[in-house]
Amino acid sequence: MSNAKLNAAKSASKLIPKTGAIGLGSGSTVALFAEELGKRIAAKKVNVRVVPSSYQAYQLAIEFKIPLTNLDLDPELELTVDGADEVDRNLNLTKGGGGALFQEKVVASASKKLIIIVDEFKIVDQLATRFEIPIEILPFSLGVVLRKIQAMGIAPTVRQAQRKMGPVVTDNGNFILDLKFPEPIDDPAKVAMDLKMIPGVIETGLFIDMTDEVHVGKEDGVYILKK
């Protein structure tokens, strides 16, 4: 287990409200946060319920005995804690390495605050520096979306499943394309808008101007980035 990830998770756990509903993101660092949250609930230090952003998050809530809710019952969340694949200097994010980007963005948008927990490797000057940018698309639109993205000078790849033949299928029954940009992105807001304008693109892994705090774990501590 990485001390950096654990330090980030413990730092974010200090922001858990005493009561109310929060969003639970996905990924290995969020799994550590969920464990901390479960301990606080078991010790009766907090009385919160979570909206899971993916089936993985749902399983974490079950494992750590965290009460569940949904966005119909709790359409406004006190905060969401989630991970990221990249964080740029303006706290914009690349997300979706785990394939849950659409639901993660919906849950984040319902939250008063979005708290991101990462290790130092995830901090970059510009998005698309270390990771490809994922998008979720309707399977019906695959051929059209591939052609239009290639025309933008971007190289798309259909994400393939492991230990299953064929593409990854998201929790929503859709496909994921991973987009390799020729260079890091100068204007992620424009890129996100251009991609969303393609019919068949449901959502992008670019989270623009949504983040309130980033808790960056190191082996010997943590530091917090804020807007």
C-alpha atoms as a PDB file:
ATOM      1  CA  MET A   1       0.000   0.000   0.000  1.00  0.00           C
ATOM      2  CA  SER A   2       1.288   3.454  -0.921  1.00  0.00           C
ATOM      3  CA  ASN A   3       1.814   5.814   2.010  1.00  0.00           C
ATOM      4  CA  ALA A   4       1.191   8.693  -0.404  1.00  0.00           C
ATOM      5  CA  LYS A   5      -2.280   7.441  -1.301  1.00  0.00           C
ATOM      6  CA  LEU A   6      -3.107   6.683   2.325  1.00  0.00           C
ATOM      7  CA  ASN A   7      -1.992  10.149   3.422  1.00  0.00           C
ATOM      8  CA  ALA A   8      -4.207  11.772   0.785  1.00  0.00           C
ATOM      9  CA  ALA A   9      -7.182   9.630   1.830  1.00  0.00           C
ATOM     10  CA  LYS A  10      -6.735  10.425   5.527  1.00  0.00           C
ATOM     11  CA  SER A  11      -6.413  14.137   4.785  1.00  0.00           C
ATOM     12  CA  ALA A  12      -9.702  14.169   2.867  1.00  0.00           C
ATOM     13  CA  SER A  13     -11.419  12.155   5.595  1.00  0.00           C
ATOM     14  CA  LYS A  14     -11.082  15.187   7.881  1.00  0.00           C
ATOM     15  CA  LEU A  15     -13.643  16.949   5.661  1.00  0.00           C
ATOM     16  CA  ILE A  16     -16.384  14.360   6.164  1.00  0.00           C
ATOM     17  CA  PRO A  17     -19.452  16.165   7.542  1.00  0.00           C
ATOM     18  CA  LYS A  18     -21.104  15.001  10.751  1.00  0.00           C
ATOM     19  CA  THR A  19     -24.338  14.223   8.923  1.00  0.00           C
ATOM     20  CA  GLY A  20     -25.728  14.282   5.409  1.00  0.00           C
ATOM     21  CA  ALA A  21     -25.052  12.709   2.032  1.00  0.00           C
ATOM     22  CA  ILE A  22     -21.758  12.669   0.150  1.00  0.00           C
ATOM     23  CA  GLY A  23     -20.517  11.276  -3.149  1.00  0.00           C
ATOM     24  CA  LEU A  24     -18.089   8.369  -3.247  1.00  0.00           C
ATOM     25  CA  GLY A  25     -15.780   8.209  -6.248  1.00  0.00           C
ATOM     26  CA  SER A  26     -13.789   5.345  -7.698  1.00  0.00           C
ATOM     27  CA  GLY A  27     -10.226   4.066  -7.736  1.00  0.00           C
ATOM     28  CA  SER A  28      -7.528   2.735  -5.431  1.00  0.00           C
ATOM     29  CA  THR A  29      -7.057   5.947  -3.432  1.00  0.00           C
ATOM     30  CA  VAL A  30     -10.809   6.311  -2.939  1.00  0.00           C
ATOM     31  CA  ALA A  31     -10.878   2.734  -1.632  1.00  0.00           C
ATOM     32  CA  LEU A  32      -8.581   3.877   1.193  1.00  0.00           C
ATOM     33  CA  PHE A  33     -10.863   6.848   1.857  1.00  0.00           C
ATOM     34  CA  ALA A  34     -13.891   4.530   1.968  1.00  0.00           C
ATOM     35  CA  GLU A  35     -12.145   2.404   4.573  1.00  0.00           C
ATOM     36  CA  GLU A  36     -11.503   5.509   6.705  1.00  0.00           C
ATOM     37  CA  LEU A  37     -15.129   6.571   6.276  1.00  0.00           C
ATOM     38  CA  GLY A  38     -16.347   3.138   7.330  1.00  0.00           C
ATOM     39  CA  LYS A  39     -14.244   3.318  10.495  1.00  0.00           C
ATOM     40  CA  ARG A  40     -15.699   6.724  11.407  1.00  0.00           C
ATOM     41  CA  ILE A  41     -19.243   5.502  10.851  1.00  0.00           C
ATOM     42  CA  ALA A  42     -18.616   2.370  12.940  1.00  0.00           C
ATOM     43  CA  ALA A  43     -17.216   4.535  15.749  1.00  0.00           C
ATOM     44  CA  LYS A  44     -20.334   6.762  15.503  1.00  0.00           C
ATOM     45  CA  LYS A  45     -18.178   9.817  14.810  1.00  0.00           C
ATOM     46  CA  VAL A  46     -20.224  10.641  11.704  1.00  0.00           C
ATOM     47  CA  ASN A  47     -23.664   9.739  10.389  1.00  0.00           C
ATOM     48  CA  VAL A  48     -23.422  10.024   6.614  1.00  0.00           C
ATOM     49  CA  ARG A  49     -24.683   8.123   3.603  1.00  0.00           C
ATOM     50  CA  VAL A  50     -23.073   7.932   0.177  1.00  0.00           C
ATOM     51  CA  VAL A  51     -24.062   8.069  -3.459  1.00  0.00           C
ATOM     52  CA  PRO A  52     -21.679   5.672  -5.243  1.00  0.00           C
ATOM     53  CA  SER A  53     -20.361   6.866  -8.602  1.00  0.00           C
ATOM     54  CA  SER A  54     -19.728   3.373  -9.966  1.00  0.00           C
ATOM     55  CA  TYR A  55     -20.347  -0.262  -9.219  1.00  0.00           C
ATOM     56  CA  GLN A  56     -16.871  -0.374  -7.663  1.00  0.00           C
ATOM     57  CA  ALA A  57     -17.872   2.450  -5.302  1.00  0.00           C
ATOM     58  CA  TYR A  58     -21.080   0.574  -4.493  1.00  0.00           C
ATOM     59  CA  GLN A  59     -19.048  -2.510  -3.580  1.00  0.00           C
ATOM     60  CA  LEU A  60     -16.757  -0.401  -1.382  1.00  0.00           C
ATOM     61  CA  ALA A  61     -19.778   0.944   0.489  1.00  0.00           C
ATOM     62  CA  ILE A  62     -21.042  -2.587   1.067  1.00  0.00           C
ATOM     63  CA  GLU A  63     -17.601  -3.826   2.163  1.00  0.00           C
ATOM     64  CA  PHE A  64     -17.099  -1.040   4.711  1.00  0.00           C
ATOM     65  CA  LYS A  65     -20.744  -0.950   5.860  1.00  0.00           C
ATOM     66  CA  ILE A  66     -21.397   2.587   4.627  1.00  0.00           C
ATOM     67  CA  PRO A  67     -25.101   3.497   4.260  1.00  0.00           C
ATOM     68  CA  LEU A  68     -26.203   4.037   0.669  1.00  0.00           C
ATOM     69  CA  THR A  69     -28.462   6.606  -0.945  1.00  0.00           C
ATOM     70  CA  ASN A  70     -29.049   7.919  -4.474  1.00  0.00           C
ATOM     71  CA  LEU A  71     -29.496  11.200  -6.323  1.00  0.00           C
ATOM     72  CA  ASP A  72     -33.285  10.884  -6.316  1.00  0.00           C
ATOM     73  CA  LEU A  73     -33.347  10.891  -2.514  1.00  0.00           C
ATOM     74  CA  ASP A  74     -30.363  13.237  -2.112  1.00  0.00           C
ATOM     75  CA  PRO A  75     -30.012  15.416  -5.228  1.00  0.00           C
ATOM     76  CA  GLU A  76     -27.593  17.798  -3.476  1.00  0.00           C
ATOM     77  CA  LEU A  77     -24.491  16.370  -1.808  1.00  0.00           C
ATOM     78  CA  GLU A  78     -22.319  18.025   0.828  1.00  0.00           C
ATOM     79  CA  LEU A  79     -19.175  16.955  -1.018  1.00  0.00           C
ATOM     80  CA  THR A  80     -17.726  14.245  -3.219  1.00  0.00           C
ATOM     81  CA  VAL A  81     -14.349  12.605  -2.724  1.00  0.00           C
ATOM     82  CA  ASP A  82     -12.846  11.118  -5.869  1.00  0.00           C
ATOM     83  CA  GLY A  83      -9.524  10.357  -7.513  1.00  0.00           C
ATOM     84  CA  ALA A  84      -8.038  11.537 -10.808  1.00  0.00           C
ATOM     85  CA  ASP A  85      -5.598  10.402 -13.474  1.00  0.00           C
ATOM     86  CA  GLU A  86      -4.173  13.903 -13.958  1.00  0.00           C
ATOM     87  CA  VAL A  87      -4.544  17.295 -12.263  1.00  0.00           C
ATOM     88  CA  ASP A  88      -3.319  20.413 -14.081  1.00  0.00           C
ATOM     89  CA  ARG A  89      -2.192  23.757 -12.658  1.00  0.00           C
ATOM     90  CA  ASN A  90      -5.783  25.092 -12.804  1.00  0.00           C
ATOM     91  CA  LEU A  91      -7.148  22.005 -11.000  1.00  0.00           C
ATOM     92  CA  ASN A  92      -8.757  20.666 -14.162  1.00  0.00           C
ATOM     93  CA  LEU A  93      -8.785  16.884 -14.278  1.00  0.00           C
ATOM     94  CA  THR A  94      -8.357  13.881 -16.498  1.00  0.00           C
ATOM     95  CA  LYS A  95     -10.593  11.093 -15.180  1.00  0.00           C
ATOM     96  CA  GLY A  96     -12.008   7.844 -16.471  1.00  0.00           C
ATOM     97  CA  GLY A  97      -9.128   5.404 -16.232  1.00  0.00           C
ATOM     98  CA  GLY A  98     -11.536   3.083 -14.444  1.00  0.00           C
ATOM     99  CA  GLY A  99     -14.296   3.635 -16.996  1.00  0.00           C
ATOM    100  CA  ALA A 100     -16.717   5.416 -14.636  1.00  0.00           C
ATOM    101  CA  LEU A 101     -16.299   8.982 -15.918  1.00  0.00           C
ATOM    102  CA  PHE A 102     -19.956   9.672 -16.808  1.00  0.00           C
ATOM    103  CA  GLN A 103     -21.442   8.754 -13.434  1.00  0.00           C
ATOM    104  CA  GLU A 104     -18.479  10.327 -11.636  1.00  0.00           C
ATOM    105  CA  LYS A 105     -19.190  13.633 -13.375  1.00  0.00           C
ATOM    106  CA  VAL A 106     -22.903  13.476 -12.556  1.00  0.00           C
ATOM    107  CA  VAL A 107     -22.165  12.853  -8.872  1.00  0.00           C
ATOM    108  CA  ALA A 108     -19.523  15.596  -8.810  1.00  0.00           C
ATOM    109  CA  SER A 109     -21.955  18.069 -10.387  1.00  0.00           C
ATOM    110  CA  ALA A 110     -24.469  17.368  -7.605  1.00  0.00           C
ATOM    111  CA  SER A 111     -21.922  18.256  -4.910  1.00  0.00           C
ATOM    112  CA  LYS A 112     -21.272  21.507  -3.097  1.00  0.00           C
ATOM    113  CA  LYS A 113     -17.559  20.639  -3.150  1.00  0.00           C
ATOM    114  CA  LEU A 114     -15.408  18.251  -5.174  1.00  0.00           C
ATOM    115  CA  ILE A 115     -12.411  16.966  -3.235  1.00  0.00           C
ATOM    116  CA  ILE A 116      -9.775  15.107  -5.259  1.00  0.00           C
ATOM    117  CA  ILE A 117      -7.235  12.749  -3.678  1.00  0.00           C
ATOM    118  CA  VAL A 118      -4.090  11.791  -5.603  1.00  0.00           C
ATOM    119  CA  ASP A 119      -0.383  11.168  -5.234  1.00  0.00           C
ATOM    120  CA  GLU A 120       2.258  13.526  -6.631  1.00  0.00           C
ATOM    121  CA  PHE A 121       2.629  11.569  -9.891  1.00  0.00           C
ATOM    122  CA  LYS A 122      -0.813  12.792 -10.966  1.00  0.00           C
ATOM    123  CA  ILE A 123       0.154  16.499 -10.902  1.00  0.00           C
ATOM    124  CA  VAL A 124       0.959  17.856 -14.389  1.00  0.00           C
ATOM    125  CA  ASP A 125       1.280  21.238 -16.078  1.00  0.00           C
ATOM    126  CA  GLN A 126      -1.198  20.301 -18.827  1.00  0.00           C
ATOM    127  CA  LEU A 127      -3.725  17.518 -19.297  1.00  0.00           C
ATOM    128  CA  ALA A 128      -2.935  14.673 -21.720  1.00  0.00           C
ATOM    129  CA  THR A 129       0.702  14.785 -20.617  1.00  0.00           C
ATOM    130  CA  ARG A 130       0.825  11.270 -19.162  1.00  0.00           C
ATOM    131  CA  PHE A 131      -2.622   9.813 -19.803  1.00  0.00           C
ATOM    132  CA  GLU A 132      -4.892   9.484 -22.781  1.00  0.00           C
ATOM    133  CA  ILE A 133      -8.263  11.243 -22.475  1.00  0.00           C
ATOM    134  CA  PRO A 134     -11.212   8.827 -22.230  1.00  0.00           C
ATOM    135  CA  ILE A 135     -14.695   9.507 -23.557  1.00  0.00           C
ATOM    136  CA  GLU A 136     -17.869   7.466 -23.136  1.00  0.00           C
ATOM    137  CA  ILE A 137     -19.858   6.887 -26.323  1.00  0.00           C
ATOM    138  CA  LEU A 138     -22.995   5.112 -27.502  1.00  0.00           C
ATOM    139  CA  PRO A 139     -21.998   1.811 -29.159  1.00  0.00           C
ATOM    140  CA  PHE A 140     -24.352   2.639 -32.072  1.00  0.00           C
ATOM    141  CA  SER A 141     -22.255   5.718 -32.882  1.00  0.00           C
ATOM    142  CA  LEU A 142     -18.815   4.072 -32.825  1.00  0.00           C
ATOM    143  CA  GLY A 143     -17.924   4.382 -36.516  1.00  0.00           C
ATOM    144  CA  VAL A 144     -19.089   7.987 -36.793  1.00  0.00           C
ATOM    145  CA  VAL A 145     -17.321   9.090 -33.614  1.00  0.00           C
ATOM    146  CA  LEU A 146     -14.056   7.409 -34.631  1.00  0.00           C
ATOM    147  CA  ARG A 147     -14.082   9.171 -38.004  1.00  0.00           C
ATOM    148  CA  LYS A 148     -14.854  12.613 -36.567  1.00  0.00           C
ATOM    149  CA  ILE A 149     -12.209  12.354 -33.854  1.00  0.00           C
ATOM    150  CA  GLN A 150      -9.576  11.225 -36.343  1.00  0.00           C
ATOM    151  CA  ALA A 151     -10.473  14.281 -38.451  1.00  0.00           C
ATOM    152  CA  MET A 152      -9.575  16.430 -35.417  1.00  0.00           C
ATOM    153  CA  GLY A 153      -6.020  15.047 -35.484  1.00  0.00           C
ATOM    154  CA  ILE A 154      -6.602  12.846 -32.436  1.00  0.00           C
ATOM    155  CA  ALA A 155      -5.892   9.093 -32.376  1.00  0.00           C
ATOM    156  CA  PRO A 156      -8.801   7.156 -30.765  1.00  0.00           C
ATOM    157  CA  THR A 157      -8.621   3.586 -29.493  1.00  0.00           C
ATOM    158  CA  VAL A 158     -11.573   1.484 -28.393  1.00  0.00           C
ATOM    159  CA  ARG A 159     -10.741   0.340 -24.863  1.00  0.00           C
ATOM    160  CA  GLN A 160     -10.610  -3.450 -24.777  1.00  0.00           C
ATOM    161  CA  ALA A 161     -11.745  -5.570 -21.861  1.00  0.00           C
ATOM    162  CA  GLN A 162      -9.418  -7.879 -19.976  1.00  0.00           C
ATOM    163  CA  ARG A 163     -10.462 -11.502 -19.429  1.00  0.00           C
ATOM    164  CA  LYS A 164     -13.405 -10.865 -21.778  1.00  0.00           C
ATOM    165  CA  MET A 165     -13.475 -10.677 -25.545  1.00  0.00           C
ATOM    166  CA  GLY A 166     -14.319  -7.304 -27.049  1.00  0.00           C
ATOM    167  CA  PRO A 167     -14.626  -3.731 -25.781  1.00  0.00           C
ATOM    168  CA  VAL A 168     -15.007  -2.532 -22.221  1.00  0.00           C
ATOM    169  CA  VAL A 169     -18.698  -1.976 -21.480  1.00  0.00           C
ATOM    170  CA  THR A 170     -19.388   0.725 -18.886  1.00  0.00           C
ATOM    171  CA  ASP A 171     -21.886   0.561 -16.020  1.00  0.00           C
ATOM    172  CA  ASN A 172     -24.242   2.377 -18.424  1.00  0.00           C
ATOM    173  CA  GLY A 173     -23.820  -0.127 -21.266  1.00  0.00           C
ATOM    174  CA  ASN A 174     -21.589   2.126 -23.376  1.00  0.00           C
ATOM    175  CA  PHE A 175     -18.084   1.993 -24.892  1.00  0.00           C
ATOM    176  CA  ILE A 176     -14.952   3.893 -23.863  1.00  0.00           C
ATOM    177  CA  LEU A 177     -12.588   5.488 -26.369  1.00  0.00           C
ATOM    178  CA  ASP A 178      -9.105   6.502 -25.205  1.00  0.00           C
ATOM    179  CA  LEU A 179      -7.876   9.558 -27.101  1.00  0.00           C
ATOM    180  CA  LYS A 180      -4.180  10.103 -27.741  1.00  0.00           C
ATOM    181  CA  PHE A 181      -3.492  13.774 -28.402  1.00  0.00           C
ATOM    182  CA  PRO A 182      -0.439  14.783 -30.447  1.00  0.00           C
ATOM    183  CA  GLU A 183       0.655  17.063 -27.588  1.00  0.00           C
ATOM    184  CA  PRO A 184      -0.583  18.181 -24.155  1.00  0.00           C
ATOM    185  CA  ILE A 185      -3.819  20.176 -24.205  1.00  0.00           C
ATOM    186  CA  ASP A 186      -3.538  23.981 -24.119  1.00  0.00           C
ATOM    187  CA  ASP A 187      -7.272  24.708 -23.788  1.00  0.00           C
ATOM    188  CA  PRO A 188      -9.051  21.776 -22.104  1.00  0.00           C
ATOM    189  CA  ALA A 189     -12.381  23.630 -21.903  1.00  0.00           C
ATOM    190  CA  LYS A 190     -12.496  24.058 -25.689  1.00  0.00           C
ATOM    191  CA  VAL A 191     -11.430  20.468 -26.282  1.00  0.00           C
ATOM    192  CA  ALA A 192     -14.146  19.203 -23.933  1.00  0.00           C
ATOM    193  CA  MET A 193     -16.778  21.288 -25.729  1.00  0.00           C
ATOM    194  CA  ASP A 194     -15.606  20.188 -29.191  1.00  0.00           C
ATOM    195  CA  LEU A 195     -15.771  16.532 -28.176  1.00  0.00           C
ATOM    196  CA  LYS A 196     -19.202  16.886 -26.571  1.00  0.00           C
ATOM    197  CA  MET A 197     -20.542  18.389 -29.816  1.00  0.00           C
ATOM    198  CA  ILE A 198     -19.947  15.090 -31.643  1.00  0.00           C
ATOM    199  CA  PRO A 199     -23.232  13.139 -31.783  1.00  0.00           C
ATOM    200  CA  GLY A 200     -22.785   9.901 -29.881  1.00  0.00           C
ATOM    201  CA  VAL A 201     -20.310  11.265 -27.338  1.00  0.00           C
ATOM    202  CA  ILE A 202     -22.065  11.015 -23.986  1.00  0.00           C
ATOM    203  CA  GLU A 203     -19.355  12.488 -21.772  1.00  0.00           C
ATOM    204  CA  THR A 204     -15.637  13.209 -21.667  1.00  0.00           C
ATOM    205  CA  GLY A 205     -13.045  12.499 -19.010  1.00  0.00           C
ATOM    206  CA  LEU A 206     -12.119  16.188 -18.913  1.00  0.00           C
ATOM    207  CA  PHE A 207     -13.429  17.699 -15.662  1.00  0.00           C
ATOM    208  CA  ILE A 208     -13.195  21.445 -16.198  1.00  0.00           C
ATOM    209  CA  ASP A 209     -13.546  24.012 -13.406  1.00  0.00           C
ATOM    210  CA  MET A 210     -15.221  21.536 -11.053  1.00  0.00           C
ATOM    211  CA  THR A 211     -12.553  20.917  -8.402  1.00  0.00           C
ATOM    212  CA  ASP A 212     -12.433  22.757  -5.077  1.00  0.00           C
ATOM    213  CA  GLU A 213      -9.483  21.044  -3.382  1.00  0.00           C
ATOM    214  CA  VAL A 214      -6.808  18.528  -4.343  1.00  0.00           C
ATOM    215  CA  HIS A 215      -5.196  16.594  -1.492  1.00  0.00           C
ATOM    216  CA  VAL A 216      -1.818  15.474  -2.806  1.00  0.00           C
ATOM    217  CA  GLY A 217      -0.276  12.633  -0.855  1.00  0.00           C
ATOM    218  CA  LYS A 218       3.457  12.166  -0.427  1.00  0.00           C
ATOM    219  CA  GLU A 219       5.304   9.346   1.290  1.00  0.00           C
ATOM    220  CA  ASP A 220       5.898  11.598   4.305  1.00  0.00           C
ATOM    221  CA  GLY A 221       2.811  13.820   4.323  1.00  0.00           C
ATOM    222  CA  VAL A 222       0.270  15.704   2.248  1.00  0.00           C
ATOM    223  CA  TYR A 223      -0.274  19.141   0.757  1.00  0.00           C
ATOM    224  CA  ILE A 224      -3.513  20.726  -0.428  1.00  0.00           C
ATOM    225  CA  LEU A 225      -4.104  22.667  -3.632  1.00  0.00           C
ATOM    226  CA  LYS A 226      -7.024  25.099  -3.723  1.00  0.00           C
ATOM    227  CA  LYS A 227      -8.385  27.532  -6.272  1.00  0.00           C
END
